[in-house]
N, C-alpha and C. Protein backbone atom coordinates (compact mmCIF):
# COMPACT_ATOMS: atom_id res chain seq x y z
N MET A 1 -75.09 13.02 138.05
CA MET A 1 -73.79 13.45 137.67
C MET A 1 -73.50 12.79 136.41
N ASP A 2 -72.85 13.49 135.59
CA ASP A 2 -72.30 12.86 134.17
C ASP A 2 -70.88 12.84 134.41
N LEU A 3 -70.31 11.54 134.46
CA LEU A 3 -68.91 11.30 134.73
C LEU A 3 -68.36 10.92 133.46
N PRO A 4 -67.51 11.82 132.84
CA PRO A 4 -67.11 11.46 131.50
C PRO A 4 -66.22 10.19 131.33
N GLU A 5 -65.52 9.88 132.48
CA GLU A 5 -64.84 8.60 132.40
C GLU A 5 -65.64 7.33 132.44
N SER A 6 -66.91 7.39 133.18
CA SER A 6 -67.52 6.16 133.32
C SER A 6 -69.03 6.19 132.87
N GLY A 7 -69.70 7.35 132.87
CA GLY A 7 -70.99 7.53 132.37
C GLY A 7 -71.90 8.10 133.31
N PRO A 8 -73.14 8.23 133.11
CA PRO A 8 -74.20 8.90 134.11
C PRO A 8 -74.37 8.17 135.36
N SER A 9 -74.52 8.89 136.43
CA SER A 9 -74.80 8.24 137.69
C SER A 9 -75.78 9.19 138.58
N PHE A 10 -76.82 8.62 138.92
CA PHE A 10 -77.73 9.35 139.68
C PHE A 10 -77.79 8.87 141.17
N SER A 11 -76.78 9.36 141.86
CA SER A 11 -76.30 9.06 143.17
C SER A 11 -75.54 7.69 143.13
N PRO A 12 -74.46 7.58 143.90
CA PRO A 12 -73.76 6.36 143.84
C PRO A 12 -74.54 5.13 144.28
N ASP A 13 -75.68 5.42 145.10
CA ASP A 13 -76.44 4.26 145.55
C ASP A 13 -77.90 4.33 145.10
N ALA A 14 -78.02 4.68 143.74
CA ALA A 14 -79.43 4.75 143.23
C ALA A 14 -79.37 4.22 141.74
N LEU A 15 -78.84 4.83 140.85
CA LEU A 15 -78.75 4.23 139.40
C LEU A 15 -77.49 4.66 138.88
N VAL A 16 -76.72 3.69 138.22
CA VAL A 16 -75.50 4.00 137.49
C VAL A 16 -75.61 3.20 136.19
N ILE A 17 -75.12 3.93 135.22
CA ILE A 17 -75.07 3.42 133.79
C ILE A 17 -73.74 3.62 133.25
N PRO A 18 -72.75 2.64 133.52
CA PRO A 18 -71.48 2.63 133.01
C PRO A 18 -71.48 2.45 131.40
N LEU A 19 -70.59 3.30 130.87
CA LEU A 19 -70.59 3.32 129.44
C LEU A 19 -69.28 2.76 128.96
N GLY A 20 -68.97 1.57 129.48
CA GLY A 20 -67.61 0.97 129.25
C GLY A 20 -67.73 -0.36 128.52
N LYS A 21 -67.09 -1.33 128.83
CA LYS A 21 -67.04 -2.65 128.20
C LYS A 21 -68.34 -3.38 128.39
N ASP A 22 -69.12 -3.12 129.56
CA ASP A 22 -70.37 -3.78 129.63
C ASP A 22 -71.43 -3.54 128.69
N GLY A 23 -71.29 -2.43 127.88
CA GLY A 23 -72.24 -2.14 126.84
C GLY A 23 -73.43 -1.39 127.55
N ARG A 24 -74.53 -2.12 127.54
CA ARG A 24 -75.73 -1.49 127.95
C ARG A 24 -76.26 -2.07 129.30
N VAL A 25 -75.51 -2.18 130.23
CA VAL A 25 -75.88 -2.68 131.52
C VAL A 25 -76.08 -1.43 132.51
N ALA A 26 -77.07 -1.50 133.13
CA ALA A 26 -77.52 -0.47 134.28
C ALA A 26 -77.39 -1.26 135.58
N ARG A 27 -77.04 -0.50 136.53
CA ARG A 27 -76.95 -1.06 137.91
C ARG A 27 -77.84 -0.16 138.96
N SER A 28 -78.33 -0.87 139.97
CA SER A 28 -79.04 -0.04 140.92
C SER A 28 -78.92 -0.80 142.10
N LYS A 29 -78.55 0.02 143.27
CA LYS A 29 -78.57 -0.62 144.63
C LYS A 29 -78.94 0.57 145.54
N LEU A 30 -80.20 0.58 145.94
CA LEU A 30 -80.63 1.72 146.80
C LEU A 30 -80.07 1.63 148.24
N GLY A 31 -79.50 2.80 148.67
CA GLY A 31 -78.80 2.89 150.02
C GLY A 31 -79.94 3.19 150.89
N SER A 32 -79.30 3.55 152.13
CA SER A 32 -80.03 3.64 153.36
C SER A 32 -81.00 4.83 153.32
N TYR A 33 -80.91 5.83 152.36
CA TYR A 33 -81.79 6.88 152.28
C TYR A 33 -82.99 6.53 151.62
N TYR A 34 -83.03 5.37 151.01
CA TYR A 34 -84.22 4.93 150.29
C TYR A 34 -84.94 3.81 150.95
N GLU A 35 -86.31 3.76 150.88
CA GLU A 35 -87.20 2.83 151.58
C GLU A 35 -87.14 1.58 150.80
N ARG A 36 -87.05 0.41 151.33
CA ARG A 36 -87.15 -0.80 150.56
C ARG A 36 -88.48 -0.97 149.67
N LEU A 37 -88.38 -1.71 148.64
CA LEU A 37 -89.60 -1.91 147.87
C LEU A 37 -90.54 -2.91 148.70
N PRO A 38 -91.81 -3.03 148.37
CA PRO A 38 -92.65 -3.91 148.96
C PRO A 38 -92.30 -5.34 149.21
N ASP A 39 -91.37 -5.83 148.18
CA ASP A 39 -91.12 -7.21 148.23
C ASP A 39 -89.77 -7.41 149.09
N GLY A 40 -89.32 -6.16 149.49
CA GLY A 40 -88.15 -6.17 150.49
C GLY A 40 -86.72 -5.89 149.62
N THR A 41 -86.87 -5.82 148.41
CA THR A 41 -85.48 -5.58 147.48
C THR A 41 -85.05 -4.15 147.74
N ASN A 42 -83.84 -3.95 147.45
CA ASN A 42 -83.28 -2.55 147.47
C ASN A 42 -82.76 -2.13 146.11
N SER A 43 -83.36 -2.51 145.01
CA SER A 43 -82.98 -2.06 143.70
C SER A 43 -84.10 -1.49 142.97
N LEU A 44 -83.84 -0.61 142.05
CA LEU A 44 -84.87 -0.15 141.17
C LEU A 44 -85.46 -1.11 140.21
N PHE A 45 -84.65 -2.18 140.07
CA PHE A 45 -85.00 -3.29 139.12
C PHE A 45 -85.50 -4.44 139.70
N GLY A 46 -86.00 -4.44 140.97
CA GLY A 46 -86.54 -5.49 141.72
C GLY A 46 -85.37 -6.41 142.21
N LYS A 47 -85.51 -7.71 142.05
CA LYS A 47 -84.65 -8.56 142.65
C LYS A 47 -83.25 -8.60 141.93
N ASP A 48 -83.12 -8.16 140.67
CA ASP A 48 -81.97 -8.09 140.00
C ASP A 48 -81.31 -6.72 140.20
N SER A 49 -80.16 -6.57 140.42
CA SER A 49 -79.61 -5.25 140.75
C SER A 49 -78.92 -4.72 139.39
N ASN A 50 -78.78 -5.62 138.37
CA ASN A 50 -78.23 -5.33 137.04
C ASN A 50 -79.26 -5.73 135.91
N VAL A 51 -79.44 -4.87 135.02
CA VAL A 51 -80.33 -5.11 133.92
C VAL A 51 -79.66 -4.81 132.61
N GLN A 52 -80.07 -5.39 131.35
CA GLN A 52 -79.55 -5.08 130.26
C GLN A 52 -80.60 -4.10 129.60
N LEU A 53 -80.07 -2.85 129.10
CA LEU A 53 -80.85 -1.83 128.54
C LEU A 53 -81.18 -2.13 127.13
N ARG A 54 -82.44 -1.80 126.76
CA ARG A 54 -82.80 -1.93 125.43
C ARG A 54 -82.36 -0.87 124.52
N ASP A 55 -82.47 0.36 125.29
CA ASP A 55 -82.19 1.54 124.49
C ASP A 55 -81.73 2.61 125.67
N LEU A 56 -80.90 3.52 125.13
CA LEU A 56 -80.44 4.54 126.01
C LEU A 56 -80.49 5.82 125.17
N LYS A 57 -81.16 6.78 125.64
CA LYS A 57 -81.29 8.09 124.89
C LYS A 57 -80.55 9.30 125.71
N VAL A 58 -79.87 10.05 125.19
CA VAL A 58 -79.28 11.11 125.77
C VAL A 58 -79.70 12.52 125.10
N TYR A 59 -80.09 13.34 126.02
CA TYR A 59 -80.62 14.66 125.66
C TYR A 59 -79.67 15.74 126.12
N HIS A 60 -79.32 16.60 125.27
CA HIS A 60 -78.37 17.69 125.73
C HIS A 60 -78.80 18.95 125.15
N GLY A 61 -78.36 20.16 125.71
CA GLY A 61 -78.62 21.40 125.08
C GLY A 61 -77.62 21.89 124.18
N VAL A 62 -77.93 22.82 123.36
CA VAL A 62 -76.88 23.43 122.42
C VAL A 62 -76.93 24.92 122.76
N TYR A 63 -75.78 25.36 123.08
CA TYR A 63 -75.66 26.83 123.58
C TYR A 63 -74.59 27.43 122.76
N ALA A 64 -74.94 28.78 122.40
CA ALA A 64 -73.88 29.59 121.72
C ALA A 64 -72.78 29.99 122.66
N GLU A 65 -71.61 30.26 122.16
CA GLU A 65 -70.52 30.78 122.87
C GLU A 65 -70.85 31.84 123.73
N GLY A 66 -70.60 31.68 125.00
CA GLY A 66 -70.85 32.81 126.05
C GLY A 66 -72.26 32.81 126.48
N GLU A 67 -73.20 32.03 125.89
CA GLU A 67 -74.56 32.02 126.43
C GLU A 67 -74.63 31.29 127.71
N TYR A 68 -75.63 31.82 128.69
CA TYR A 68 -75.77 31.24 129.85
C TYR A 68 -76.25 29.85 129.81
N ILE A 69 -75.79 28.82 130.50
CA ILE A 69 -76.28 27.54 130.52
C ILE A 69 -76.88 27.27 131.88
N PRO A 70 -78.26 26.99 131.96
CA PRO A 70 -78.97 26.88 133.01
C PRO A 70 -78.39 25.88 133.96
N PHE A 71 -78.42 26.20 135.27
CA PHE A 71 -78.02 25.24 136.50
C PHE A 71 -76.49 25.08 136.44
N THR A 72 -75.74 25.77 135.78
CA THR A 72 -74.29 25.56 135.96
C THR A 72 -73.60 26.12 137.21
N ASP A 73 -74.54 26.94 137.80
CA ASP A 73 -74.14 27.59 139.02
C ASP A 73 -74.80 26.78 140.42
N ALA A 74 -75.43 25.76 139.99
CA ALA A 74 -76.16 25.03 141.16
C ALA A 74 -75.12 24.36 142.07
N GLU A 75 -75.31 24.21 143.31
CA GLU A 75 -74.47 23.41 144.14
C GLU A 75 -75.07 22.06 144.18
N PRO A 76 -74.32 20.96 143.84
CA PRO A 76 -74.76 19.64 143.72
C PRO A 76 -75.16 19.15 145.23
N PHE A 77 -74.51 19.62 146.34
CA PHE A 77 -74.83 19.29 147.61
C PHE A 77 -74.46 20.34 148.56
N ALA A 78 -75.33 20.92 149.42
CA ALA A 78 -74.91 21.89 150.24
C ALA A 78 -75.84 21.77 151.54
N LEU A 79 -75.08 22.04 152.63
CA LEU A 79 -75.86 21.94 153.88
C LEU A 79 -75.82 23.41 154.56
N TYR A 80 -76.90 24.14 154.76
CA TYR A 80 -77.00 25.35 155.23
C TYR A 80 -77.56 25.49 156.63
């Protein structure tokens, strides 16, 4: 999810990159849907749940007025 107020978030319990005062800090805490890493940690970054990013690249599309933007009609979460 791209949250304009705070920055990109790949699930609230996976990877969060806040774009505020912290600058380039990324956080990860894997929730109960994820298996623990071999060393028993529950973060994408190993034993540290916060890391300082060296670089952050953002890719986005450029669309003409009225042009269809792919996946805009996708449901972020649905149970059928």
